[in-house]
């Protein structure tokens, strides 16, 4: 299965199965440490020969595992609560069988805050399978969040002390901010999908891993970003109309993407899909909401204008979205 995706331009080099695990093991068990360090820690009465006559199988007992017959792990579907699963009705391609196995096939995208992997979830010995994008936010030690503080204006945590810590950017507050992004993106995807916005369907969230619809071909080739399309390949007017429709639904619901550009929009077989939404902005509660909304349109609009879209169309969309969001200009 892995060899099938090895030559795809959409992926960086596919890491051999178990490579990362071996790396962690090497870090934990350093052969350069002197042997007497271990025995010294047991105290002066330690007898290194006490178990010398024990049978080999008694000295080294392999841990008992309940791993899947093939693949990297059992499906994590049952590890998510009902509120951590995508909205109903779910698409037919979502695999919910507990006998399913997850197999990581490669890396789709790396970023400062999260990495996206290609994951296959399949039920062994059946034709039931699907490809998903697994977005994994990095732990607090390895995150490098570039999000502007303005994104957090208007957001409140249920505990006031956490809200204050976030506002003051204390060490605890920064940790709380970092921990919000995965849940924020999953909740945003659920809301936007239900509203009809063109976003990937969110399958489930487990910890800091979001499983969502893979936008691409069945052979694992990811859809290109809007920025990668050549002018002759793109239906400029059609894509602009799709963008305006999705942004209109978003604005009517009182939100803006907040960081929209030609690099976080995918185009698959003429279908435009908006991605990367953890920083979604409440344009009503956020005092800078209108500026975020306008910036989204003008950032993406610059790409369309450079390919023939009349500049007046960008201004018209800004005005339309402001009206949809019931904001005064």
C-alpha atoms as a PDB file:
ATOM      1  CA  UNK A   1       0.000   0.000   0.000  1.00  0.00           C
ATOM      2  CA  UNK A   2       2.783   2.457   0.930  1.00  0.00           C
ATOM      3  CA  UNK A   3       4.684   1.940  -2.323  1.00  0.00           C
ATOM      4  CA  UNK A   4       1.614   3.052  -4.242  1.00  0.00           C
ATOM      5  CA  UNK A   5       2.014   6.635  -2.979  1.00  0.00           C
ATOM      6  CA  UNK A   6       5.789   6.873  -3.004  1.00  0.00           C
ATOM      7  CA  UNK A   7       6.069   8.734  -6.315  1.00  0.00           C
ATOM      8  CA  UNK A   8       3.311  11.282  -5.707  1.00  0.00           C
ATOM      9  CA  UNK A   9       4.350  14.930  -5.948  1.00  0.00           C
ATOM     10  CA  UNK A  10       1.788  15.733  -3.282  1.00  0.00           C
ATOM     11  CA  UNK A  11       3.839  14.135  -0.534  1.00  0.00           C
ATOM     12  CA  UNK A  12       7.236  14.532   0.986  1.00  0.00           C
ATOM     13  CA  UNK A  13       9.270  11.373   1.506  1.00  0.00           C
ATOM     14  CA  UNK A  14       7.153   8.676   3.117  1.00  0.00           C
ATOM     15  CA  UNK A  15       8.706   7.642   6.381  1.00  0.00           C
ATOM     16  CA  UNK A  16       9.165   3.873   6.804  1.00  0.00           C
ATOM     17  CA  UNK A  17       6.803   2.293   9.272  1.00  0.00           C
ATOM     18  CA  UNK A  18       8.213   2.431  12.795  1.00  0.00           C
ATOM     19  CA  UNK A  19      10.974   4.928  11.983  1.00  0.00           C
ATOM     20  CA  UNK A  20       9.762   7.552  14.418  1.00  0.00           C
ATOM     21  CA  UNK A  21       9.320   4.956  17.127  1.00  0.00           C
ATOM     22  CA  UNK A  22      12.889   3.778  16.714  1.00  0.00           C
ATOM     23  CA  UNK A  23      14.044   7.349  16.976  1.00  0.00           C
ATOM     24  CA  UNK A  24      12.281   7.817  20.281  1.00  0.00           C
ATOM     25  CA  UNK A  25      13.652   4.555  21.610  1.00  0.00           C
ATOM     26  CA  UNK A  26      17.179   5.654  20.731  1.00  0.00           C
ATOM     27  CA  UNK A  27      16.686   8.856  22.681  1.00  0.00           C
ATOM     28  CA  UNK A  28      15.434   7.028  25.740  1.00  0.00           C
ATOM     29  CA  UNK A  29      18.057   4.292  25.864  1.00  0.00           C
ATOM     30  CA  UNK A  30      21.504   5.654  25.263  1.00  0.00           C
ATOM     31  CA  UNK A  31      24.114   2.893  24.869  1.00  0.00           C
ATOM     32  CA  UNK A  32      26.825   5.345  25.783  1.00  0.00           C
ATOM     33  CA  UNK A  33      25.798   5.349  29.456  1.00  0.00           C
ATOM     34  CA  UNK A  34      28.177   3.311  31.653  1.00  0.00           C
ATOM     35  CA  UNK A  35      26.712   0.100  32.999  1.00  0.00           C
ATOM     36  CA  UNK A  36      27.677   0.829  36.620  1.00  0.00           C
ATOM     37  CA  UNK A  37      25.337   3.860  36.678  1.00  0.00           C
ATOM     38  CA  UNK A  38      22.338   1.555  36.629  1.00  0.00           C
ATOM     39  CA  UNK A  39      23.609  -0.869  39.253  1.00  0.00           C
ATOM     40  CA  UNK A  40      24.804   1.925  41.524  1.00  0.00           C
ATOM     41  CA  UNK A  41      21.279   3.284  41.678  1.00  0.00           C
ATOM     42  CA  UNK A  42      20.064   0.051  43.285  1.00  0.00           C
ATOM     43  CA  UNK A  43      22.058   0.511  46.480  1.00  0.00           C
ATOM     44  CA  UNK A  44      25.051  -1.203  48.068  1.00  0.00           C
ATOM     45  CA  UNK A  45      23.167  -4.424  48.819  1.00  0.00           C
ATOM     46  CA  UNK A  46      22.192  -5.068  45.235  1.00  0.00           C
ATOM     47  CA  UNK A  47      23.209  -8.532  44.019  1.00  0.00           C
ATOM     48  CA  UNK A  48      23.779  -8.437  40.261  1.00  0.00           C
ATOM     49  CA  UNK A  49      23.995 -12.254  40.114  1.00  0.00           C
ATOM     50  CA  UNK A  50      20.803 -12.985  42.053  1.00  0.00           C
ATOM     51  CA  UNK A  51      18.814 -13.824  38.915  1.00  0.00           C
ATOM     52  CA  UNK A  52      21.673 -15.221  36.892  1.00  0.00           C
ATOM     53  CA  UNK A  53      20.155 -18.713  36.918  1.00  0.00           C
ATOM     54  CA  UNK A  54      16.673 -17.577  35.870  1.00  0.00           C
ATOM     55  CA  UNK A  55      15.372 -18.891  32.587  1.00  0.00           C
ATOM     56  CA  UNK A  56      15.789 -16.474  29.684  1.00  0.00           C
ATOM     57  CA  UNK A  57      12.056 -16.213  29.173  1.00  0.00           C
ATOM     58  CA  UNK A  58      11.650 -15.242  32.831  1.00  0.00           C
ATOM     59  CA  UNK A  59      14.264 -12.497  32.538  1.00  0.00           C
ATOM     60  CA  UNK A  60      12.931 -10.966  29.338  1.00  0.00           C
ATOM     61  CA  UNK A  61       9.178 -11.240  28.918  1.00  0.00           C
ATOM     62  CA  UNK A  62       7.838  -9.522  25.812  1.00  0.00           C
ATOM     63  CA  UNK A  63       4.838  -7.287  26.483  1.00  0.00           C
ATOM     64  CA  UNK A  64       1.497  -8.646  25.393  1.00  0.00           C
ATOM     65  CA  UNK A  65      -0.086  -6.427  22.739  1.00  0.00           C
ATOM     66  CA  UNK A  66      -3.450  -6.388  21.050  1.00  0.00           C
ATOM     67  CA  UNK A  67      -2.419  -4.689  17.848  1.00  0.00           C
ATOM     68  CA  UNK A  68      -4.227  -4.915  14.538  1.00  0.00           C
ATOM     69  CA  UNK A  69      -3.341  -7.680  12.048  1.00  0.00           C
ATOM     70  CA  UNK A  70      -2.027  -5.028   9.649  1.00  0.00           C
ATOM     71  CA  UNK A  71      -1.620  -1.270   9.700  1.00  0.00           C
ATOM     72  CA  UNK A  72      -0.531   1.106  12.439  1.00  0.00           C
ATOM     73  CA  UNK A  73      -3.417   1.059  14.907  1.00  0.00           C
ATOM     74  CA  UNK A  74      -7.018   0.091  15.419  1.00  0.00           C
ATOM     75  CA  UNK A  75      -9.584   2.680  14.412  1.00  0.00           C
ATOM     76  CA  UNK A  76      -9.900   5.455  17.000  1.00  0.00           C
ATOM     77  CA  UNK A  77     -13.597   5.957  16.253  1.00  0.00           C
ATOM     78  CA  UNK A  78     -14.691   4.623  19.641  1.00  0.00           C
ATOM     79  CA  UNK A  79     -12.216   6.881  21.453  1.00  0.00           C
ATOM     80  CA  UNK A  80     -14.143  10.019  20.544  1.00  0.00           C
ATOM     81  CA  UNK A  81     -17.278  11.083  22.390  1.00  0.00           C
ATOM     82  CA  UNK A  82     -20.443  11.942  20.451  1.00  0.00           C
ATOM     83  CA  UNK A  83     -19.556  15.655  20.589  1.00  0.00           C
ATOM     84  CA  UNK A  84     -16.095  14.813  19.233  1.00  0.00           C
ATOM     85  CA  UNK A  85     -17.522  13.272  16.059  1.00  0.00           C
ATOM     86  CA  UNK A  86     -18.668  14.995  12.889  1.00  0.00           C
ATOM     87  CA  UNK A  87     -22.227  16.248  12.372  1.00  0.00           C
ATOM     88  CA  UNK A  88     -24.999  13.976  11.169  1.00  0.00           C
ATOM     89  CA  UNK A  89     -26.047  12.848   8.682  1.00  0.00           C
ATOM     90  CA  UNK A  90     -22.534  11.605   8.011  1.00  0.00           C
ATOM     91  CA  UNK A  91     -21.318  10.974   4.455  1.00  0.00           C
ATOM     92  CA  UNK A  92     -21.418   7.337   3.331  1.00  0.00           C
ATOM     93  CA  UNK A  93     -17.638   7.195   3.036  1.00  0.00           C
ATOM     94  CA  UNK A  94     -17.088   7.643   6.791  1.00  0.00           C
ATOM     95  CA  UNK A  95     -15.927   4.281   8.219  1.00  0.00           C
ATOM     96  CA  UNK A  96     -17.325   3.753  11.719  1.00  0.00           C
ATOM     97  CA  UNK A  97     -16.769  -0.002  12.103  1.00  0.00           C
ATOM     98  CA  UNK A  98     -14.704  -0.803  15.197  1.00  0.00           C
ATOM     99  CA  UNK A  99     -12.904  -3.587  13.315  1.00  0.00           C
ATOM    100  CA  UNK A 100     -11.322  -0.982  11.034  1.00  0.00           C
ATOM    101  CA  UNK A 101      -7.574  -0.375  10.990  1.00  0.00           C
ATOM    102  CA  UNK A 102      -5.776   2.936  10.473  1.00  0.00           C
ATOM    103  CA  UNK A 103      -2.677   2.990   8.279  1.00  0.00           C
ATOM    104  CA  UNK A 104      -0.525   6.078   7.861  1.00  0.00           C
ATOM    105  CA  UNK A 105       0.532   6.462   4.226  1.00  0.00           C
ATOM    106  CA  UNK A 106       2.548   9.651   4.091  1.00  0.00           C
ATOM    107  CA  UNK A 107       2.855  13.347   4.844  1.00  0.00           C
ATOM    108  CA  UNK A 108       0.605  15.755   2.974  1.00  0.00           C
ATOM    109  CA  UNK A 109       1.758  19.025   4.528  1.00  0.00           C
ATOM    110  CA  UNK A 110       4.031  20.263   7.288  1.00  0.00           C
ATOM    111  CA  UNK A 111       3.515  23.530   9.134  1.00  0.00           C
ATOM    112  CA  UNK A 112       4.638  25.548  12.117  1.00  0.00           C
ATOM    113  CA  UNK A 113       1.681  24.524  14.237  1.00  0.00           C
ATOM    114  CA  UNK A 114       0.510  21.197  12.858  1.00  0.00           C
ATOM    115  CA  UNK A 115       1.343  18.520  10.315  1.00  0.00           C
ATOM    116  CA  UNK A 116      -1.145  16.818   7.998  1.00  0.00           C
ATOM    117  CA  UNK A 117      -0.815  13.113   7.193  1.00  0.00           C
ATOM    118  CA  UNK A 118      -2.610  10.842   4.743  1.00  0.00           C
ATOM    119  CA  UNK A 119      -4.442   8.108   6.630  1.00  0.00           C
ATOM    120  CA  UNK A 120      -6.317   5.091   5.321  1.00  0.00           C
ATOM    121  CA  UNK A 121      -9.074   3.619   7.482  1.00  0.00           C
ATOM    122  CA  UNK A 122     -10.147   0.219   6.224  1.00  0.00           C
ATOM    123  CA  UNK A 123     -11.955  -2.903   7.411  1.00  0.00           C
ATOM    124  CA  UNK A 124      -9.664  -5.882   6.719  1.00  0.00           C
ATOM    125  CA  UNK A 125     -10.832  -8.445   4.169  1.00  0.00           C
ATOM    126  CA  UNK A 126     -13.556  -6.138   2.866  1.00  0.00           C
ATOM    127  CA  UNK A 127     -13.764  -3.377   0.297  1.00  0.00           C
ATOM    128  CA  UNK A 128     -14.678  -0.881   3.025  1.00  0.00           C
ATOM    129  CA  UNK A 129     -11.965   1.783   3.051  1.00  0.00           C
ATOM    130  CA  UNK A 130     -11.523   5.523   2.970  1.00  0.00           C
ATOM    131  CA  UNK A 131      -8.715   8.058   2.859  1.00  0.00           C
ATOM    132  CA  UNK A 132      -8.630  10.869   5.412  1.00  0.00           C
ATOM    133  CA  UNK A 133      -6.408  13.791   6.277  1.00  0.00           C
ATOM    134  CA  UNK A 134      -5.057  13.538   9.821  1.00  0.00           C
ATOM    135  CA  UNK A 135      -4.127  16.983  11.119  1.00  0.00           C
ATOM    136  CA  UNK A 136      -1.979  16.679  14.226  1.00  0.00           C
ATOM    137  CA  UNK A 137      -1.265  19.756  16.283  1.00  0.00           C
ATOM    138  CA  UNK A 138       2.137  19.696  17.876  1.00  0.00           C
ATOM    139  CA  UNK A 139       2.579  19.519  21.626  1.00  0.00           C
ATOM    140  CA  UNK A 140       3.239  22.666  23.628  1.00  0.00           C
ATOM    141  CA  UNK A 141       6.999  22.190  23.505  1.00  0.00           C
ATOM    142  CA  UNK A 142       7.150  22.084  19.708  1.00  0.00           C
ATOM    143  CA  UNK A 143       4.402  24.498  18.702  1.00  0.00           C
ATOM    144  CA  UNK A 144       5.409  27.749  17.066  1.00  0.00           C
ATOM    145  CA  UNK A 145       2.105  29.613  16.907  1.00  0.00           C
ATOM    146  CA  UNK A 146       2.175  32.723  14.743  1.00  0.00           C
ATOM    147  CA  UNK A 147      -1.449  33.659  15.396  1.00  0.00           C
ATOM    148  CA  UNK A 148      -1.932  37.328  16.140  1.00  0.00           C
ATOM    149  CA  UNK A 149      -3.444  38.206  19.489  1.00  0.00           C
ATOM    150  CA  UNK A 150      -6.307  39.857  17.627  1.00  0.00           C
ATOM    151  CA  UNK A 151      -7.744  36.454  16.767  1.00  0.00           C
ATOM    152  CA  UNK A 152      -8.513  35.855  20.437  1.00  0.00           C
ATOM    153  CA  UNK A 153     -10.451  39.058  20.989  1.00  0.00           C
ATOM    154  CA  UNK A 154     -14.067  38.193  21.682  1.00  0.00           C
ATOM    155  CA  UNK A 155     -13.237  34.625  22.706  1.00  0.00           C
ATOM    156  CA  UNK A 156     -13.939  33.647  26.281  1.00  0.00           C
ATOM    157  CA  UNK A 157     -13.011  30.564  28.261  1.00  0.00           C
ATOM    158  CA  UNK A 158     -15.566  29.123  30.650  1.00  0.00           C
ATOM    159  CA  UNK A 159     -13.122  29.747  33.497  1.00  0.00           C
ATOM    160  CA  UNK A 160     -12.381  33.439  34.017  1.00  0.00           C
ATOM    161  CA  UNK A 161      -8.928  32.779  35.454  1.00  0.00           C
ATOM    162  CA  UNK A 162      -7.904  31.104  32.194  1.00  0.00           C
ATOM    163  CA  UNK A 163      -9.295  33.991  30.173  1.00  0.00           C
ATOM    164  CA  UNK A 164      -7.230  36.421  32.284  1.00  0.00           C
ATOM    165  CA  UNK A 165      -4.102  34.286  31.919  1.00  0.00           C
ATOM    166  CA  UNK A 166      -4.574  34.180  28.150  1.00  0.00           C
ATOM    167  CA  UNK A 167      -4.977  37.947  28.018  1.00  0.00           C
ATOM    168  CA  UNK A 168      -1.824  38.515  30.105  1.00  0.00           C
ATOM    169  CA  UNK A 169       0.164  35.937  28.085  1.00  0.00           C
ATOM    170  CA  UNK A 170       1.470  34.212  31.189  1.00  0.00           C
ATOM    171  CA  UNK A 171       3.200  30.844  30.770  1.00  0.00           C
ATOM    172  CA  UNK A 172      -0.032  29.157  31.809  1.00  0.00           C
ATOM    173  CA  UNK A 173      -2.004  31.429  29.484  1.00  0.00           C
ATOM    174  CA  UNK A 174       0.195  30.595  26.489  1.00  0.00           C
ATOM    175  CA  UNK A 175      -0.278  26.900  27.213  1.00  0.00           C
ATOM    176  CA  UNK A 176      -4.041  27.407  27.331  1.00  0.00           C
ATOM    177  CA  UNK A 177      -3.976  29.291  24.018  1.00  0.00           C
ATOM    178  CA  UNK A 178      -1.946  26.532  22.353  1.00  0.00           C
ATOM    179  CA  UNK A 179      -4.337  23.871  23.645  1.00  0.00           C
ATOM    180  CA  UNK A 180      -7.355  25.577  22.106  1.00  0.00           C
ATOM    181  CA  UNK A 181      -6.439  25.355  18.439  1.00  0.00           C
ATOM    182  CA  UNK A 182      -7.293  21.722  17.669  1.00  0.00           C
ATOM    183  CA  UNK A 183     -10.667  21.918  19.408  1.00  0.00           C
ATOM    184  CA  UNK A 184     -11.329  25.335  17.842  1.00  0.00           C
ATOM    185  CA  UNK A 185     -10.686  24.017  14.337  1.00  0.00           C
ATOM    186  CA  UNK A 186     -12.806  20.904  14.803  1.00  0.00           C
ATOM    187  CA  UNK A 187     -15.727  22.890  16.209  1.00  0.00           C
ATOM    188  CA  UNK A 188     -15.405  25.435  13.400  1.00  0.00           C
ATOM    189  CA  UNK A 189     -15.392  22.707  10.749  1.00  0.00           C
ATOM    190  CA  UNK A 190     -18.515  21.149  12.255  1.00  0.00           C
ATOM    191  CA  UNK A 191     -20.307  24.492  12.324  1.00  0.00           C
ATOM    192  CA  UNK A 192     -19.258  25.503   8.816  1.00  0.00           C
ATOM    193  CA  UNK A 193     -20.059  22.119   7.296  1.00  0.00           C
ATOM    194  CA  UNK A 194     -23.540  22.214   8.821  1.00  0.00           C
ATOM    195  CA  UNK A 195     -24.021  25.752   7.445  1.00  0.00           C
ATOM    196  CA  UNK A 196     -23.137  24.605   3.922  1.00  0.00           C
ATOM    197  CA  UNK A 197     -19.700  26.212   3.678  1.00  0.00           C
ATOM    198  CA  UNK A 198     -17.267  24.354   1.392  1.00  0.00           C
ATOM    199  CA  UNK A 199     -14.916  22.857   4.008  1.00  0.00           C
ATOM    200  CA  UNK A 200     -13.650  19.283   4.515  1.00  0.00           C
ATOM    201  CA  UNK A 201     -16.056  17.102   6.475  1.00  0.00           C
ATOM    202  CA  UNK A 202     -14.730  16.713  10.054  1.00  0.00           C
ATOM    203  CA  UNK A 203     -14.799  13.008  10.954  1.00  0.00           C
ATOM    204  CA  UNK A 204     -13.610  13.130  14.564  1.00  0.00           C
ATOM    205  CA  UNK A 205     -11.151  14.644  17.016  1.00  0.00           C
ATOM    206  CA  UNK A 206      -9.004  12.681  19.464  1.00  0.00           C
ATOM    207  CA  UNK A 207      -6.787  14.826  21.649  1.00  0.00           C
ATOM    208  CA  UNK A 208      -4.900  17.075  19.249  1.00  0.00           C
ATOM    209  CA  UNK A 209      -5.551  14.943  16.143  1.00  0.00           C
ATOM    210  CA  UNK A 210      -8.344  15.911  13.770  1.00  0.00           C
ATOM    211  CA  UNK A 211      -9.444  13.395  11.153  1.00  0.00           C
ATOM    212  CA  UNK A 212     -11.213  14.999   8.229  1.00  0.00           C
ATOM    213  CA  UNK A 213     -12.163  14.488   4.614  1.00  0.00           C
ATOM    214  CA  UNK A 214      -9.168  14.038   2.327  1.00  0.00           C
ATOM    215  CA  UNK A 215      -9.588  16.422  -0.590  1.00  0.00           C
ATOM    216  CA  UNK A 216      -7.932  14.651  -3.482  1.00  0.00           C
ATOM    217  CA  UNK A 217      -7.960  11.542  -5.645  1.00  0.00           C
ATOM    218  CA  UNK A 218      -8.475   7.961  -4.503  1.00  0.00           C
ATOM    219  CA  UNK A 219      -4.834   7.181  -5.301  1.00  0.00           C
ATOM    220  CA  UNK A 220      -3.698   9.615  -2.599  1.00  0.00           C
ATOM    221  CA  UNK A 221      -2.883  12.637  -4.765  1.00  0.00           C
ATOM    222  CA  UNK A 222      -3.881  15.717  -2.814  1.00  0.00           C
ATOM    223  CA  UNK A 223      -5.806  18.511  -4.506  1.00  0.00           C
ATOM    224  CA  UNK A 224      -3.661  21.521  -5.434  1.00  0.00           C
ATOM    225  CA  UNK A 225      -3.915  24.806  -3.627  1.00  0.00           C
ATOM    226  CA  UNK A 226      -5.521  27.711  -5.438  1.00  0.00           C
ATOM    227  CA  UNK A 227      -2.115  29.410  -5.588  1.00  0.00           C
ATOM    228  CA  UNK A 228      -0.749  26.469  -7.585  1.00  0.00           C
ATOM    229  CA  UNK A 229      -3.311  26.681 -10.387  1.00  0.00           C
ATOM    230  CA  UNK A 230      -2.307  28.160 -13.718  1.00  0.00           C
ATOM    231  CA  UNK A 231      -4.656  30.710 -15.209  1.00  0.00           C
ATOM    232  CA  UNK A 232      -5.494  28.455 -18.147  1.00  0.00           C
ATOM    233  CA  UNK A 233      -6.474  25.640 -15.777  1.00  0.00           C
ATOM    234  CA  UNK A 234      -8.845  27.685 -13.657  1.00  0.00           C
ATOM    235  CA  UNK A 235     -12.420  28.761 -14.245  1.00  0.00           C
ATOM    236  CA  UNK A 236     -11.870  32.172 -12.660  1.00  0.00           C
ATOM    237  CA  UNK A 237     -15.485  33.287 -12.662  1.00  0.00           C
ATOM    238  CA  UNK A 238     -16.773  29.932 -11.435  1.00  0.00           C
ATOM    239  CA  UNK A 239     -14.266  29.711  -8.585  1.00  0.00           C
ATOM    240  CA  UNK A 240     -14.945  33.317  -7.563  1.00  0.00           C
ATOM    241  CA  UNK A 241     -18.663  32.583  -7.436  1.00  0.00           C
ATOM    242  CA  UNK A 242     -18.033  29.512  -5.244  1.00  0.00           C
ATOM    243  CA  UNK A 243     -15.801  31.540  -2.933  1.00  0.00           C
ATOM    244  CA  UNK A 244     -18.381  34.300  -2.612  1.00  0.00           C
ATOM    245  CA  UNK A 245     -21.103  31.762  -1.778  1.00  0.00           C
ATOM    246  CA  UNK A 246     -19.077  30.129   1.018  1.00  0.00           C
ATOM    247  CA  UNK A 247     -17.863  33.430   2.464  1.00  0.00           C
ATOM    248  CA  UNK A 248     -21.423  34.728   2.351  1.00  0.00           C
ATOM    249  CA  UNK A 249     -22.672  31.769   4.409  1.00  0.00           C
ATOM    250  CA  UNK A 250     -19.783  32.309   6.814  1.00  0.00           C
ATOM    251  CA  UNK A 251     -20.531  36.030   7.180  1.00  0.00           C
ATOM    252  CA  UNK A 252     -24.262  35.450   7.588  1.00  0.00           C
ATOM    253  CA  UNK A 253     -23.409  33.179  10.516  1.00  0.00           C
ATOM    254  CA  UNK A 254     -21.352  36.035  11.982  1.00  0.00           C
ATOM    255  CA  UNK A 255     -17.859  34.774  11.153  1.00  0.00           C
ATOM    256  CA  UNK A 256     -14.823  35.398   8.974  1.00  0.00           C
ATOM    257  CA  UNK A 257     -12.045  32.928   8.167  1.00  0.00           C
ATOM    258  CA  UNK A 258      -9.456  35.297   9.614  1.00  0.00           C
ATOM    259  CA  UNK A 259      -6.423  34.083   7.677  1.00  0.00           C
ATOM    260  CA  UNK A 260      -7.709  33.372   4.182  1.00  0.00           C
ATOM    261  CA  UNK A 261      -5.369  33.321   1.203  1.00  0.00           C
ATOM    262  CA  UNK A 262      -4.788  31.422  -2.027  1.00  0.00           C
ATOM    263  CA  UNK A 263      -2.661  29.004   0.002  1.00  0.00           C
ATOM    264  CA  UNK A 264      -5.408  27.631   2.235  1.00  0.00           C
ATOM    265  CA  UNK A 265      -7.970  27.047  -0.488  1.00  0.00           C
ATOM    266  CA  UNK A 266      -7.942  23.746  -2.380  1.00  0.00           C
ATOM    267  CA  UNK A 267      -9.402  23.129  -5.836  1.00  0.00           C
ATOM    268  CA  UNK A 268     -10.397  19.569  -6.682  1.00  0.00           C
ATOM    269  CA  UNK A 269     -12.020  18.889 -10.052  1.00  0.00           C
ATOM    270  CA  UNK A 270     -13.445  22.396 -10.156  1.00  0.00           C
ATOM    271  CA  UNK A 271     -14.667  22.301  -6.550  1.00  0.00           C
ATOM    272  CA  UNK A 272     -13.286  24.970  -4.214  1.00  0.00           C
ATOM    273  CA  UNK A 273     -12.638  23.900  -0.597  1.00  0.00           C
ATOM    274  CA  UNK A 274     -11.569  26.205   2.247  1.00  0.00           C
ATOM    275  CA  UNK A 275      -9.146  24.735   4.806  1.00  0.00           C
ATOM    276  CA  UNK A 276      -7.226  25.759   7.928  1.00  0.00           C
ATOM    277  CA  UNK A 277      -9.914  27.374  10.076  1.00  0.00           C
ATOM    278  CA  UNK A 278      -8.728  27.260  13.727  1.00  0.00           C
ATOM    279  CA  UNK A 279      -8.547  31.066  13.894  1.00  0.00           C
ATOM    280  CA  UNK A 280     -12.127  31.657  12.735  1.00  0.00           C
ATOM    281  CA  UNK A 281     -13.170  35.150  13.885  1.00  0.00           C
ATOM    282  CA  UNK A 282     -16.481  36.175  15.418  1.00  0.00           C
ATOM    283  CA  UNK A 283     -16.909  39.416  13.484  1.00  0.00           C
ATOM    284  CA  UNK A 284     -19.596  40.682  15.848  1.00  0.00           C
ATOM    285  CA  UNK A 285     -17.808  40.098  19.163  1.00  0.00           C
ATOM    286  CA  UNK A 286     -14.358  40.963  17.837  1.00  0.00           C
ATOM    287  CA  UNK A 287     -13.861  44.736  17.533  1.00  0.00           C
ATOM    288  CA  UNK A 288     -11.629  44.122  14.516  1.00  0.00           C
ATOM    289  CA  UNK A 289     -14.093  41.748  12.909  1.00  0.00           C
ATOM    290  CA  UNK A 290     -14.793  43.879   9.867  1.00  0.00           C
ATOM    291  CA  UNK A 291     -11.089  44.360   9.140  1.00  0.00           C
ATOM    292  CA  UNK A 292     -10.544  40.580   9.285  1.00  0.00           C
ATOM    293  CA  UNK A 293     -13.445  40.036   6.895  1.00  0.00           C
ATOM    294  CA  UNK A 294     -12.168  42.637   4.444  1.00  0.00           C
ATOM    295  CA  UNK A 295      -8.599  41.362   4.639  1.00  0.00           C
ATOM    296  CA  UNK A 296      -9.756  37.820   3.783  1.00  0.00           C
ATOM    297  CA  UNK A 297     -11.496  39.027   0.630  1.00  0.00           C
ATOM    298  CA  UNK A 298      -8.690  41.283  -0.547  1.00  0.00           C
ATOM    299  CA  UNK A 299      -5.970  38.677   0.098  1.00  0.00           C
ATOM    300  CA  UNK A 300      -7.685  36.102  -2.080  1.00  0.00           C
ATOM    301  CA  UNK A 301      -9.062  38.706  -4.436  1.00  0.00           C
ATOM    302  CA  UNK A 302      -5.529  39.752  -5.387  1.00  0.00           C
ATOM    303  CA  UNK A 303      -4.963  36.276  -6.851  1.00  0.00           C
ATOM    304  CA  UNK A 304      -8.170  36.471  -8.893  1.00  0.00           C
ATOM    305  CA  UNK A 305      -7.506  40.033 -10.078  1.00  0.00           C
ATOM    306  CA  UNK A 306      -4.035  39.029 -11.284  1.00  0.00           C
ATOM    307  CA  UNK A 307      -5.789  36.447 -13.458  1.00  0.00           C
ATOM    308  CA  UNK A 308      -8.391  38.700 -14.997  1.00  0.00           C
ATOM    309  CA  UNK A 309     -11.092  39.303 -12.388  1.00  0.00           C
ATOM    310  CA  UNK A 310     -12.283  42.952 -12.426  1.00  0.00           C
ATOM    311  CA  UNK A 311     -11.105  44.748  -9.237  1.00  0.00           C
ATOM    312  CA  UNK A 312     -14.640  46.048  -8.751  1.00  0.00           C
ATOM    313  CA  UNK A 313     -15.739  42.458  -8.044  1.00  0.00           C
ATOM    314  CA  UNK A 314     -13.527  42.408  -4.951  1.00  0.00           C
ATOM    315  CA  UNK A 315     -14.999  45.655  -3.620  1.00  0.00           C
ATOM    316  CA  UNK A 316     -18.506  44.378  -4.280  1.00  0.00           C
ATOM    317  CA  UNK A 317     -17.874  41.167  -2.343  1.00  0.00           C
ATOM    318  CA  UNK A 318     -16.522  43.089   0.662  1.00  0.00           C
ATOM    319  CA  UNK A 319     -19.680  45.202   0.742  1.00  0.00           C
ATOM    320  CA  UNK A 320     -21.907  42.154   0.317  1.00  0.00           C
ATOM    321  CA  UNK A 321     -20.238  40.243   3.150  1.00  0.00           C
ATOM    322  CA  UNK A 322     -20.395  43.226   5.492  1.00  0.00           C
ATOM    323  CA  UNK A 323     -24.131  43.380   4.831  1.00  0.00           C
ATOM    324  CA  UNK A 324     -24.520  39.628   5.354  1.00  0.00           C
ATOM    325  CA  UNK A 325     -22.728  39.915   8.696  1.00  0.00           C
ATOM    326  CA  UNK A 326     -24.930  42.915   9.600  1.00  0.00           C
ATOM    327  CA  UNK A 327     -21.936  45.152  10.141  1.00  0.00           C
ATOM    328  CA  UNK A 328     -22.006  48.872   9.577  1.00  0.00           C
ATOM    329  CA  UNK A 329     -19.299  50.372   7.431  1.00  0.00           C
END
